[in-house]
């Protein structure tokens, strides 16, 4: 019993350290590798900071992925230019990606389940992106002085045919969020495939 407790404690320390490492990497990526996409309004940017959270959720479970997303966005609030609204949106989308991926992949350490989990997570992320932006994030931006008309105008500068916020989100944000999540998931799955034997041996030790 004592030996089992020590092994469990050692595993928990590894889990904590790996989660902290992925959170730190996520923060660095969010701050250094951020790009504006010409086909998107200028206030929407692309970054790779979701990839460490996905890797954490695949290897250590959804709780680890959740905390990577949380830490990254809490730290981001200290340098925010959006009154933390952008960080809130990023957090919502991040957990919409990592929670399904972690729940599906973590029960059985099979590579196929990791792939399925990530696919479900990416789809969930894109759908949640529409709902959260329409009902929460953009209304919050309106409270800062960004009227709905002004926001739609940013989209109309790229595609004059969009008339409503829902159209803007469906045509622009949903595909963008899907592709962003897919790229993060792909990088994470490739890394997970290489690291999986190491992490599987950790679970066996437990």
N, C-alpha and C. Protein backbone atom coordinates (compact mmCIF):
# COMPACT_ATOMS: atom_id res chain seq x y z
N UNK A 1 0.82 -1.21 0.00
CA UNK A 1 0.00 0.00 0.00
C UNK A 1 0.85 1.25 0.00
N UNK A 2 1.91 1.22 0.81
CA UNK A 2 2.79 2.39 0.90
C UNK A 2 3.50 2.63 -0.41
N UNK A 3 3.91 1.54 -1.06
CA UNK A 3 4.60 1.67 -2.35
C UNK A 3 3.65 2.23 -3.41
N UNK A 4 2.40 1.78 -3.39
CA UNK A 4 1.40 2.28 -4.34
C UNK A 4 1.13 3.76 -4.13
N UNK A 5 1.08 4.19 -2.87
CA UNK A 5 0.85 5.61 -2.56
C UNK A 5 2.00 6.46 -3.06
N UNK A 6 3.22 5.94 -2.91
CA UNK A 6 4.38 6.69 -3.40
C UNK A 6 4.37 6.80 -4.91
N UNK A 7 3.98 5.72 -5.59
CA UNK A 7 3.91 5.76 -7.05
C UNK A 7 2.84 6.74 -7.52
N UNK A 8 1.68 6.74 -6.81
CA UNK A 8 0.62 7.67 -7.16
C UNK A 8 1.04 9.11 -6.95
N UNK A 9 1.77 9.35 -5.87
CA UNK A 9 2.24 10.71 -5.58
C UNK A 9 3.24 11.15 -6.62
N UNK A 10 4.14 10.23 -7.03
CA UNK A 10 5.12 10.58 -8.05
C UNK A 10 4.44 10.91 -9.37
N UNK A 11 3.40 10.15 -9.71
CA UNK A 11 2.66 10.42 -10.94
C UNK A 11 1.96 11.77 -10.87
N UNK A 12 1.37 12.10 -9.72
CA UNK A 12 0.70 13.38 -9.58
C UNK A 12 1.67 14.54 -9.73
N UNK A 13 2.89 14.39 -9.23
CA UNK A 13 3.91 15.42 -9.39
C UNK A 13 4.26 15.59 -10.86
N UNK A 14 4.42 14.47 -11.55
CA UNK A 14 4.71 14.53 -12.99
C UNK A 14 3.57 15.24 -13.72
N UNK A 15 2.35 14.91 -13.35
CA UNK A 15 1.18 15.52 -13.99
C UNK A 15 1.17 17.02 -13.75
N UNK A 16 1.46 17.44 -12.53
CA UNK A 16 1.49 18.86 -12.19
C UNK A 16 2.58 19.58 -12.96
N UNK A 17 3.77 18.98 -13.01
CA UNK A 17 4.90 19.60 -13.70
C UNK A 17 4.62 19.72 -15.19
N UNK A 18 4.06 18.65 -15.79
CA UNK A 18 3.78 18.68 -17.23
C UNK A 18 2.71 19.70 -17.55
N UNK A 19 1.69 19.79 -16.70
CA UNK A 19 0.64 20.80 -16.91
C UNK A 19 1.22 22.20 -16.85
N UNK A 20 2.08 22.45 -15.86
CA UNK A 20 2.71 23.77 -15.74
C UNK A 20 3.59 24.07 -16.95
N UNK A 21 4.30 23.06 -17.43
CA UNK A 21 5.16 23.24 -18.60
C UNK A 21 4.33 23.58 -19.84
N UNK A 22 3.22 22.87 -20.03
CA UNK A 22 2.36 23.14 -21.18
C UNK A 22 1.70 24.52 -21.07
N UNK A 23 1.35 24.92 -19.86
CA UNK A 23 0.77 26.25 -19.66
C UNK A 23 1.78 27.33 -20.02
N UNK A 24 3.04 27.14 -19.59
CA UNK A 24 4.09 28.11 -19.90
C UNK A 24 4.32 28.19 -21.41
N UNK A 25 4.35 27.03 -22.07
CA UNK A 25 4.53 27.01 -23.52
C UNK A 25 3.36 27.68 -24.22
N UNK A 26 2.15 27.45 -23.73
CA UNK A 26 0.97 28.07 -24.31
C UNK A 26 1.02 29.59 -24.20
N UNK A 27 1.48 30.09 -23.05
CA UNK A 27 1.62 31.53 -22.85
C UNK A 27 2.63 32.12 -23.83
N UNK A 28 3.75 31.44 -23.99
CA UNK A 28 4.79 31.91 -24.91
C UNK A 28 4.27 31.96 -26.34
N UNK A 29 3.57 30.91 -26.76
CA UNK A 29 3.02 30.87 -28.12
C UNK A 29 1.97 31.96 -28.33
N UNK A 30 1.17 32.22 -27.31
CA UNK A 30 0.14 33.26 -27.42
C UNK A 30 0.75 34.64 -27.56
N UNK A 31 1.91 34.83 -26.96
CA UNK A 31 2.55 36.14 -26.97
C UNK A 31 3.46 36.36 -28.17
N UNK A 32 4.00 35.27 -28.74
CA UNK A 32 5.04 35.42 -29.77
C UNK A 32 4.61 34.99 -31.17
N UNK A 33 3.71 34.00 -31.26
CA UNK A 33 3.31 33.51 -32.58
C UNK A 33 1.84 33.80 -32.81
N UNK A 34 1.53 35.05 -33.02
CA UNK A 34 0.17 35.51 -33.28
C UNK A 34 0.14 36.22 -34.61
N UNK A 35 -0.80 35.86 -35.46
CA UNK A 35 -0.86 36.39 -36.81
C UNK A 35 -2.24 36.94 -37.13
N UNK A 36 -2.25 37.99 -37.91
CA UNK A 36 -3.50 38.50 -38.47
C UNK A 36 -3.75 37.78 -39.80
N UNK A 37 -4.98 37.42 -40.04
CA UNK A 37 -5.37 36.71 -41.25
C UNK A 37 -6.10 37.68 -42.17
N UNK A 38 -5.63 37.86 -43.41
CA UNK A 38 -6.22 38.87 -44.31
C UNK A 38 -7.71 38.67 -44.57
N UNK A 39 -8.19 37.42 -44.53
CA UNK A 39 -9.60 37.17 -44.84
C UNK A 39 -10.49 37.27 -43.60
N UNK A 40 -9.90 37.70 -42.47
CA UNK A 40 -10.66 37.88 -41.24
C UNK A 40 -10.54 39.33 -40.78
N UNK A 41 -11.53 39.86 -40.04
CA UNK A 41 -11.39 41.21 -39.48
C UNK A 41 -10.14 41.32 -38.62
N UNK A 42 -9.59 42.52 -38.55
CA UNK A 42 -8.28 42.71 -37.90
C UNK A 42 -8.28 42.39 -36.41
N UNK A 43 -9.45 42.39 -35.76
CA UNK A 43 -9.47 42.11 -34.33
C UNK A 43 -9.46 40.61 -34.03
N UNK A 44 -9.47 39.79 -35.07
CA UNK A 44 -9.38 38.34 -34.90
C UNK A 44 -8.00 37.89 -35.36
N UNK A 45 -7.30 37.18 -34.49
CA UNK A 45 -5.94 36.73 -34.81
C UNK A 45 -5.82 35.22 -34.67
N UNK A 46 -4.78 34.70 -35.29
CA UNK A 46 -4.51 33.26 -35.24
C UNK A 46 -3.26 33.02 -34.41
N UNK A 47 -3.29 31.99 -33.57
CA UNK A 47 -2.08 31.61 -32.84
C UNK A 47 -2.11 30.10 -32.60
N UNK A 48 -0.99 29.57 -32.10
CA UNK A 48 -0.84 28.14 -31.89
C UNK A 48 -0.94 27.76 -30.41
N UNK A 49 -1.47 28.65 -29.59
CA UNK A 49 -1.42 28.42 -28.14
C UNK A 49 -2.36 27.33 -27.66
N UNK A 50 -3.28 26.87 -28.50
CA UNK A 50 -4.16 25.78 -28.08
C UNK A 50 -3.47 24.42 -28.15
N UNK A 51 -2.41 24.32 -28.94
CA UNK A 51 -1.74 23.03 -29.12
C UNK A 51 -1.22 22.44 -27.81
N UNK A 52 -0.52 23.21 -26.96
CA UNK A 52 -0.08 22.63 -25.68
C UNK A 52 -1.23 22.16 -24.80
N UNK A 53 -2.35 22.86 -24.84
CA UNK A 53 -3.51 22.45 -24.05
C UNK A 53 -4.07 21.12 -24.56
N UNK A 54 -4.09 20.94 -25.87
CA UNK A 54 -4.57 19.68 -26.43
C UNK A 54 -3.62 18.54 -26.06
N UNK A 55 -2.32 18.79 -26.16
CA UNK A 55 -1.34 17.76 -25.78
C UNK A 55 -1.49 17.39 -24.31
N UNK A 56 -1.72 18.39 -23.47
CA UNK A 56 -1.92 18.13 -22.04
C UNK A 56 -3.15 17.27 -21.80
N UNK A 57 -4.22 17.56 -22.51
CA UNK A 57 -5.47 16.82 -22.29
C UNK A 57 -5.36 15.39 -22.81
N UNK A 58 -4.59 15.19 -23.89
CA UNK A 58 -4.42 13.84 -24.43
C UNK A 58 -3.58 12.97 -23.52
N UNK A 59 -2.57 13.56 -22.92
CA UNK A 59 -1.63 12.78 -22.12
C UNK A 59 -2.01 12.69 -20.65
N UNK A 60 -2.55 13.77 -20.09
CA UNK A 60 -2.81 13.83 -18.66
C UNK A 60 -4.29 13.91 -18.31
N UNK A 61 -5.14 14.08 -19.31
CA UNK A 61 -6.56 14.14 -19.05
C UNK A 61 -7.15 15.54 -19.17
N UNK A 62 -8.48 15.63 -19.20
CA UNK A 62 -9.15 16.91 -19.44
C UNK A 62 -8.90 17.96 -18.36
N UNK A 63 -8.66 17.53 -17.12
CA UNK A 63 -8.39 18.51 -16.06
C UNK A 63 -7.10 19.26 -16.35
N UNK A 64 -6.10 18.54 -16.81
CA UNK A 64 -4.83 19.17 -17.17
C UNK A 64 -5.02 20.16 -18.31
N UNK A 65 -5.75 19.77 -19.35
CA UNK A 65 -6.02 20.67 -20.46
C UNK A 65 -6.79 21.90 -20.03
N UNK A 66 -7.76 21.70 -19.13
CA UNK A 66 -8.54 22.81 -18.60
C UNK A 66 -7.64 23.84 -17.92
N UNK A 67 -6.72 23.37 -17.09
CA UNK A 67 -5.87 24.30 -16.35
C UNK A 67 -4.84 24.99 -17.24
N UNK A 68 -4.41 24.32 -18.30
CA UNK A 68 -3.54 25.00 -19.26
C UNK A 68 -4.27 26.19 -19.89
N UNK A 69 -5.52 25.97 -20.30
CA UNK A 69 -6.33 27.06 -20.87
C UNK A 69 -6.56 28.16 -19.85
N UNK A 70 -6.85 27.77 -18.62
CA UNK A 70 -7.14 28.75 -17.57
C UNK A 70 -5.92 29.60 -17.26
N UNK A 71 -4.79 28.96 -17.04
CA UNK A 71 -3.56 29.70 -16.69
C UNK A 71 -3.15 30.64 -17.81
N UNK A 72 -3.20 30.15 -19.04
CA UNK A 72 -2.82 30.99 -20.18
C UNK A 72 -3.64 32.27 -20.24
N UNK A 73 -4.93 32.16 -20.04
CA UNK A 73 -5.80 33.33 -20.19
C UNK A 73 -5.81 34.22 -18.96
N UNK A 74 -5.60 33.65 -17.78
CA UNK A 74 -5.45 34.50 -16.60
C UNK A 74 -4.20 35.36 -16.73
N UNK A 75 -3.10 34.75 -17.15
CA UNK A 75 -1.87 35.52 -17.38
C UNK A 75 -2.08 36.55 -18.48
N UNK A 76 -2.82 36.16 -19.51
CA UNK A 76 -3.07 37.08 -20.62
C UNK A 76 -3.85 38.31 -20.20
N UNK A 77 -4.64 38.20 -19.15
CA UNK A 77 -5.42 39.34 -18.68
C UNK A 77 -4.54 40.48 -18.17
N UNK A 78 -3.30 40.17 -17.79
CA UNK A 78 -2.41 41.21 -17.28
C UNK A 78 -1.91 42.13 -18.39
N UNK A 79 -1.96 41.67 -19.63
CA UNK A 79 -1.50 42.49 -20.76
C UNK A 79 -2.62 42.69 -21.79
N UNK A 80 -3.86 42.44 -21.38
CA UNK A 80 -4.97 42.45 -22.33
C UNK A 80 -5.23 43.84 -22.90
N UNK A 81 -5.73 43.84 -24.13
CA UNK A 81 -6.18 45.07 -24.78
C UNK A 81 -7.69 45.04 -25.01
N UNK A 82 -8.34 44.02 -24.44
CA UNK A 82 -9.77 43.83 -24.69
C UNK A 82 -10.58 43.75 -23.40
N UNK A 83 -10.03 44.28 -22.31
CA UNK A 83 -10.70 44.21 -21.00
C UNK A 83 -11.01 42.77 -20.60
N UNK A 84 -10.13 41.85 -21.00
CA UNK A 84 -10.21 40.42 -20.70
C UNK A 84 -11.33 39.70 -21.46
N UNK A 85 -12.03 40.40 -22.35
CA UNK A 85 -13.08 39.74 -23.13
C UNK A 85 -12.47 38.77 -24.13
N UNK A 86 -11.40 39.18 -24.76
CA UNK A 86 -10.72 38.29 -25.69
C UNK A 86 -10.20 37.04 -24.99
N UNK A 87 -9.69 37.22 -23.78
CA UNK A 87 -9.20 36.08 -23.00
C UNK A 87 -10.34 35.15 -22.59
N UNK A 88 -11.49 35.74 -22.25
CA UNK A 88 -12.65 34.93 -21.91
C UNK A 88 -13.08 34.09 -23.11
N UNK A 89 -13.11 34.70 -24.28
CA UNK A 89 -13.48 33.98 -25.49
C UNK A 89 -12.49 32.86 -25.76
N UNK A 90 -11.20 33.16 -25.63
CA UNK A 90 -10.17 32.16 -25.87
C UNK A 90 -10.30 30.99 -24.90
N UNK A 91 -10.63 31.30 -23.65
CA UNK A 91 -10.80 30.26 -22.64
C UNK A 91 -11.99 29.36 -22.98
N UNK A 92 -13.11 29.96 -23.35
CA UNK A 92 -14.30 29.19 -23.69
C UNK A 92 -14.02 28.25 -24.87
N UNK A 93 -13.39 28.80 -25.90
CA UNK A 93 -13.09 27.98 -27.07
C UNK A 93 -12.07 26.90 -26.74
N UNK A 94 -11.10 27.25 -25.91
CA UNK A 94 -10.07 26.28 -25.54
C UNK A 94 -10.64 25.08 -24.80
N UNK A 95 -11.49 25.33 -23.81
CA UNK A 95 -12.04 24.20 -23.06
C UNK A 95 -13.06 23.43 -23.88
N UNK A 96 -13.72 24.11 -24.83
CA UNK A 96 -14.63 23.40 -25.73
C UNK A 96 -13.86 22.41 -26.59
N UNK A 97 -12.59 22.70 -26.83
CA UNK A 97 -11.73 21.79 -27.60
C UNK A 97 -11.15 20.69 -26.72
N UNK A 98 -10.58 21.06 -25.57
CA UNK A 98 -9.80 20.08 -24.81
C UNK A 98 -10.65 19.14 -23.95
N UNK A 99 -11.80 19.61 -23.46
CA UNK A 99 -12.61 18.74 -22.60
C UNK A 99 -13.14 17.52 -23.35
N UNK A 100 -13.79 17.69 -24.51
CA UNK A 100 -14.23 16.49 -25.25
C UNK A 100 -13.06 15.61 -25.67
N UNK A 101 -11.97 16.23 -26.13
CA UNK A 101 -10.81 15.45 -26.56
C UNK A 101 -10.26 14.63 -25.40
N UNK A 102 -10.17 15.23 -24.22
CA UNK A 102 -9.63 14.54 -23.06
C UNK A 102 -10.55 13.45 -22.55
N UNK A 103 -11.86 13.73 -22.51
CA UNK A 103 -12.80 12.74 -22.01
C UNK A 103 -12.84 11.49 -22.88
N UNK A 104 -12.76 11.69 -24.18
CA UNK A 104 -12.83 10.55 -25.11
C UNK A 104 -11.52 9.77 -25.14
N UNK A 105 -10.40 10.46 -25.13
CA UNK A 105 -9.10 9.80 -25.32
C UNK A 105 -8.50 9.24 -24.04
N UNK A 106 -8.85 9.82 -22.90
CA UNK A 106 -8.11 9.52 -21.68
C UNK A 106 -8.53 8.22 -21.01
N UNK A 107 -9.75 7.75 -21.26
CA UNK A 107 -10.20 6.52 -20.61
C UNK A 107 -9.45 5.30 -21.13
N UNK A 108 -9.16 5.31 -22.41
CA UNK A 108 -8.39 4.22 -23.02
C UNK A 108 -7.23 4.83 -23.79
N UNK A 109 -6.04 4.35 -23.49
CA UNK A 109 -4.84 4.93 -24.09
C UNK A 109 -4.61 4.36 -25.49
N UNK A 110 -5.57 4.62 -26.37
CA UNK A 110 -5.47 4.17 -27.76
C UNK A 110 -5.33 5.39 -28.66
N UNK A 111 -4.45 5.29 -29.62
CA UNK A 111 -4.20 6.42 -30.51
C UNK A 111 -5.46 6.78 -31.30
N UNK A 112 -6.23 5.76 -31.70
CA UNK A 112 -7.45 6.03 -32.47
C UNK A 112 -8.44 6.86 -31.67
N UNK A 113 -8.51 6.61 -30.35
CA UNK A 113 -9.43 7.38 -29.51
C UNK A 113 -8.95 8.82 -29.37
N UNK A 114 -7.64 9.03 -29.38
CA UNK A 114 -7.11 10.39 -29.33
C UNK A 114 -7.51 11.15 -30.59
N UNK A 115 -7.45 10.48 -31.73
CA UNK A 115 -7.84 11.12 -33.00
C UNK A 115 -9.33 11.45 -32.98
N UNK A 116 -10.14 10.48 -32.57
CA UNK A 116 -11.59 10.71 -32.50
C UNK A 116 -11.91 11.83 -31.52
N UNK A 117 -11.25 11.81 -30.36
CA UNK A 117 -11.48 12.85 -29.37
C UNK A 117 -11.16 14.23 -29.89
N UNK A 118 -10.06 14.34 -30.63
CA UNK A 118 -9.68 15.65 -31.18
C UNK A 118 -10.67 16.12 -32.25
N UNK A 119 -11.15 15.20 -33.06
CA UNK A 119 -12.15 15.57 -34.08
C UNK A 119 -13.41 16.10 -33.41
N UNK A 120 -13.88 15.38 -32.39
CA UNK A 120 -15.07 15.84 -31.67
C UNK A 120 -14.81 17.19 -31.00
N UNK A 121 -13.60 17.35 -30.44
CA UNK A 121 -13.25 18.62 -29.80
C UNK A 121 -13.22 19.78 -30.77
N UNK A 122 -12.68 19.56 -31.95
CA UNK A 122 -12.61 20.62 -32.96
C UNK A 122 -14.00 21.06 -33.39
N UNK A 123 -14.87 20.09 -33.63
CA UNK A 123 -16.25 20.41 -34.03
C UNK A 123 -16.96 21.15 -32.90
N UNK A 124 -16.78 20.67 -31.67
CA UNK A 124 -17.41 21.33 -30.52
C UNK A 124 -16.90 22.76 -30.37
N UNK A 125 -15.61 22.94 -30.57
CA UNK A 125 -15.01 24.28 -30.48
C UNK A 125 -15.64 25.24 -31.49
N UNK A 126 -15.81 24.78 -32.73
CA UNK A 126 -16.39 25.63 -33.76
C UNK A 126 -17.84 25.99 -33.44
N UNK A 127 -18.61 25.02 -32.96
CA UNK A 127 -20.01 25.27 -32.61
C UNK A 127 -20.13 26.20 -31.40
N UNK A 128 -19.32 25.94 -30.38
CA UNK A 128 -19.33 26.80 -29.21
C UNK A 128 -18.88 28.21 -29.55
N UNK A 129 -18.00 28.32 -30.54
CA UNK A 129 -17.54 29.63 -30.97
C UNK A 129 -18.69 30.49 -31.46
N UNK A 130 -19.59 29.89 -32.23
CA UNK A 130 -20.76 30.64 -32.70
C UNK A 130 -21.63 31.06 -31.54
N UNK A 131 -21.97 30.10 -30.67
CA UNK A 131 -22.89 30.38 -29.56
C UNK A 131 -22.31 31.41 -28.59
N UNK A 132 -21.06 31.22 -28.20
CA UNK A 132 -20.46 32.12 -27.22
C UNK A 132 -20.27 33.53 -27.78
N UNK A 133 -19.86 33.61 -29.04
CA UNK A 133 -19.68 34.94 -29.64
C UNK A 133 -21.01 35.67 -29.79
N UNK A 134 -22.03 34.95 -30.22
CA UNK A 134 -23.32 35.59 -30.49
C UNK A 134 -24.01 36.04 -29.21
N UNK A 135 -23.98 35.20 -28.21
CA UNK A 135 -24.75 35.48 -27.00
C UNK A 135 -23.95 36.11 -25.86
N UNK A 136 -22.62 36.04 -25.91
CA UNK A 136 -21.83 36.53 -24.79
C UNK A 136 -20.72 37.50 -25.20
N UNK A 137 -19.83 37.06 -26.04
CA UNK A 137 -18.61 37.83 -26.30
C UNK A 137 -18.90 39.13 -27.03
N UNK A 138 -19.62 39.09 -28.13
CA UNK A 138 -19.88 40.32 -28.87
C UNK A 138 -20.81 41.28 -28.12
N UNK A 139 -21.80 40.77 -27.38
CA UNK A 139 -22.55 41.70 -26.50
C UNK A 139 -21.66 42.37 -25.47
N UNK A 140 -20.67 41.66 -24.95
CA UNK A 140 -19.73 42.28 -24.01
C UNK A 140 -18.92 43.36 -24.70
N UNK A 141 -18.49 43.09 -25.92
CA UNK A 141 -17.77 44.11 -26.69
C UNK A 141 -18.64 45.34 -26.92
N UNK A 142 -19.93 45.12 -27.11
CA UNK A 142 -20.86 46.24 -27.31
C UNK A 142 -20.88 47.15 -26.09
N UNK A 143 -20.71 46.56 -24.91
CA UNK A 143 -20.67 47.36 -23.68
C UNK A 143 -19.43 48.24 -23.60
N UNK A 144 -18.41 47.88 -24.39
CA UNK A 144 -17.18 48.69 -24.43
C UNK A 144 -17.27 49.79 -25.49
N UNK A 145 -18.37 49.81 -26.23
CA UNK A 145 -18.54 50.83 -27.25
C UNK A 145 -18.49 50.31 -28.67
N UNK A 146 -18.20 49.00 -28.83
CA UNK A 146 -18.23 48.39 -30.15
C UNK A 146 -19.67 47.99 -30.45
N UNK A 147 -20.41 48.80 -31.15
CA UNK A 147 -21.79 48.48 -31.46
C UNK A 147 -21.83 47.29 -32.42
N UNK A 148 -22.96 46.62 -32.44
CA UNK A 148 -23.13 45.48 -33.36
C UNK A 148 -22.96 45.93 -34.80
N UNK A 149 -23.45 47.12 -35.10
CA UNK A 149 -23.31 47.65 -36.47
C UNK A 149 -21.85 47.85 -36.83
N UNK A 150 -21.07 48.35 -35.87
CA UNK A 150 -19.64 48.56 -36.12
C UNK A 150 -18.92 47.23 -36.34
N UNK A 151 -19.29 46.22 -35.56
CA UNK A 151 -18.68 44.91 -35.71
C UNK A 151 -19.02 44.31 -37.07
N UNK A 152 -20.29 44.39 -37.44
CA UNK A 152 -20.71 43.88 -38.75
C UNK A 152 -19.98 44.62 -39.86
N UNK A 153 -19.77 45.92 -39.67
CA UNK A 153 -19.06 46.71 -40.67
C UNK A 153 -17.66 46.19 -40.93
N UNK A 154 -16.99 45.68 -39.89
CA UNK A 154 -15.65 45.10 -40.06
C UNK A 154 -15.71 43.89 -40.99
N UNK A 155 -16.75 43.10 -40.83
CA UNK A 155 -16.91 41.93 -41.70
C UNK A 155 -17.31 42.35 -43.11
N UNK A 156 -18.17 43.36 -43.20
CA UNK A 156 -18.62 43.82 -44.52
C UNK A 156 -17.49 44.42 -45.34
N UNK A 157 -16.46 44.90 -44.68
CA UNK A 157 -15.30 45.42 -45.41
C UNK A 157 -14.60 44.30 -46.19
N UNK A 158 -14.81 43.06 -45.75
CA UNK A 158 -14.22 41.91 -46.44
C UNK A 158 -15.24 41.26 -47.36
N UNK A 159 -16.47 41.14 -46.88
CA UNK A 159 -17.55 40.56 -47.68
C UNK A 159 -18.80 41.41 -47.53
N UNK A 160 -19.08 42.27 -48.50
CA UNK A 160 -20.23 43.19 -48.40
C UNK A 160 -21.58 42.49 -48.35
N UNK A 161 -21.62 41.20 -48.63
CA UNK A 161 -22.90 40.49 -48.71
C UNK A 161 -23.44 40.06 -47.35
N UNK A 162 -22.63 40.16 -46.29
CA UNK A 162 -23.13 39.76 -44.97
C UNK A 162 -23.92 40.92 -44.36
N UNK A 163 -25.07 40.60 -43.76
CA UNK A 163 -25.95 41.65 -43.25
C UNK A 163 -26.20 41.55 -41.75
N UNK A 164 -26.05 40.35 -41.18
CA UNK A 164 -26.35 40.17 -39.77
C UNK A 164 -25.14 39.58 -39.06
N UNK A 165 -25.16 39.70 -37.73
CA UNK A 165 -24.07 39.15 -36.95
C UNK A 165 -24.01 37.63 -37.09
N UNK A 166 -25.16 36.99 -37.14
CA UNK A 166 -25.19 35.54 -37.30
C UNK A 166 -24.53 35.11 -38.60
N UNK A 167 -24.80 35.85 -39.67
CA UNK A 167 -24.16 35.55 -40.95
C UNK A 167 -22.65 35.73 -40.85
N UNK A 168 -22.22 36.78 -40.20
CA UNK A 168 -20.79 37.03 -40.05
C UNK A 168 -20.11 35.87 -39.32
N UNK A 169 -20.73 35.42 -38.26
CA UNK A 169 -20.15 34.34 -37.47
C UNK A 169 -20.13 33.03 -38.25
N UNK A 170 -21.21 32.74 -38.97
CA UNK A 170 -21.28 31.49 -39.72
C UNK A 170 -20.30 31.47 -40.88
N UNK A 171 -20.17 32.58 -41.56
CA UNK A 171 -19.32 32.63 -42.76
C UNK A 171 -17.85 32.78 -42.41
N UNK A 172 -17.55 33.55 -41.36
CA UNK A 172 -16.17 33.84 -41.02
C UNK A 172 -15.68 33.04 -39.80
N UNK A 173 -16.32 33.22 -38.68
CA UNK A 173 -15.77 32.70 -37.42
C UNK A 173 -15.81 31.18 -37.30
N UNK A 174 -16.92 30.58 -37.70
CA UNK A 174 -17.03 29.13 -37.55
C UNK A 174 -15.97 28.39 -38.36
N UNK A 175 -15.78 28.68 -39.66
CA UNK A 175 -14.71 28.01 -40.40
C UNK A 175 -13.32 28.34 -39.84
N UNK A 176 -13.11 29.61 -39.46
CA UNK A 176 -11.81 30.00 -38.91
C UNK A 176 -11.50 29.23 -37.62
N UNK A 177 -12.49 29.15 -36.73
CA UNK A 177 -12.29 28.43 -35.47
C UNK A 177 -12.06 26.95 -35.71
N UNK A 178 -12.78 26.38 -36.66
CA UNK A 178 -12.61 24.97 -36.99
C UNK A 178 -11.19 24.71 -37.48
N UNK A 179 -10.71 25.53 -38.40
CA UNK A 179 -9.36 25.34 -38.94
C UNK A 179 -8.31 25.55 -37.86
N UNK A 180 -8.49 26.57 -37.03
CA UNK A 180 -7.56 26.83 -35.94
C UNK A 180 -7.48 25.64 -34.99
N UNK A 181 -8.63 25.10 -34.62
CA UNK A 181 -8.65 23.93 -33.74
C UNK A 181 -8.05 22.72 -34.41
N UNK A 182 -8.32 22.56 -35.69
CA UNK A 182 -7.80 21.41 -36.43
C UNK A 182 -6.27 21.44 -36.49
N UNK A 183 -5.71 22.62 -36.72
CA UNK A 183 -4.25 22.75 -36.77
C UNK A 183 -3.64 22.42 -35.41
N UNK A 184 -4.24 22.97 -34.34
CA UNK A 184 -3.74 22.68 -32.99
C UNK A 184 -3.83 21.19 -32.69
N UNK A 185 -4.94 20.57 -33.05
CA UNK A 185 -5.14 19.15 -32.79
C UNK A 185 -4.16 18.30 -33.58
N UNK A 186 -3.91 18.68 -34.83
CA UNK A 186 -2.99 17.91 -35.68
C UNK A 186 -1.58 17.91 -35.11
N UNK A 187 -1.09 19.10 -34.75
CA UNK A 187 0.24 19.18 -34.14
C UNK A 187 0.30 18.34 -32.86
N UNK A 188 -0.74 18.43 -32.05
CA UNK A 188 -0.75 17.73 -30.77
C UNK A 188 -0.79 16.22 -30.96
N UNK A 189 -1.60 15.76 -31.91
CA UNK A 189 -1.70 14.32 -32.16
C UNK A 189 -0.36 13.76 -32.64
N UNK A 190 0.33 14.49 -33.51
CA UNK A 190 1.63 14.04 -34.00
C UNK A 190 2.63 13.93 -32.85
N UNK A 191 2.63 14.92 -31.95
CA UNK A 191 3.52 14.86 -30.79
C UNK A 191 3.10 13.75 -29.84
N UNK A 192 1.80 13.61 -29.64
CA UNK A 192 1.29 12.57 -28.75
C UNK A 192 1.67 11.19 -29.25
N UNK A 193 1.65 10.98 -30.54
CA UNK A 193 2.03 9.69 -31.11
C UNK A 193 3.46 9.33 -30.74
N UNK A 194 4.33 10.34 -30.71
CA UNK A 194 5.73 10.10 -30.35
C UNK A 194 5.90 9.89 -28.85
N UNK A 195 5.12 10.64 -28.05
CA UNK A 195 5.29 10.62 -26.61
C UNK A 195 4.43 9.57 -25.91
N UNK A 196 3.48 8.99 -26.63
CA UNK A 196 2.51 8.08 -26.01
C UNK A 196 3.15 6.92 -25.25
N UNK A 197 4.19 6.27 -25.79
CA UNK A 197 4.81 5.17 -25.02
C UNK A 197 5.34 5.62 -23.66
N UNK A 198 5.86 6.83 -23.60
CA UNK A 198 6.40 7.33 -22.33
C UNK A 198 5.27 7.53 -21.32
N UNK A 199 4.19 8.16 -21.76
CA UNK A 199 3.10 8.44 -20.85
C UNK A 199 2.33 7.17 -20.48
N UNK A 200 2.23 6.23 -21.39
CA UNK A 200 1.57 4.97 -21.07
C UNK A 200 2.34 4.21 -19.99
N UNK A 201 3.66 4.29 -20.03
CA UNK A 201 4.47 3.63 -19.00
C UNK A 201 4.25 4.31 -17.64
N UNK A 202 4.02 5.61 -17.65
CA UNK A 202 3.72 6.33 -16.40
C UNK A 202 2.42 5.84 -15.79
N UNK A 203 1.42 5.60 -16.63
CA UNK A 203 0.15 5.10 -16.12
C UNK A 203 0.30 3.69 -15.56
N UNK A 204 1.13 2.89 -16.21
CA UNK A 204 1.34 1.53 -15.71
C UNK A 204 2.03 1.55 -14.36
N UNK A 205 2.93 2.54 -14.14
CA UNK A 205 3.60 2.67 -12.86
C UNK A 205 2.59 2.95 -11.74
N UNK A 206 1.59 3.75 -12.10
CA UNK A 206 0.58 4.08 -11.10
C UNK A 206 -0.16 2.82 -10.67
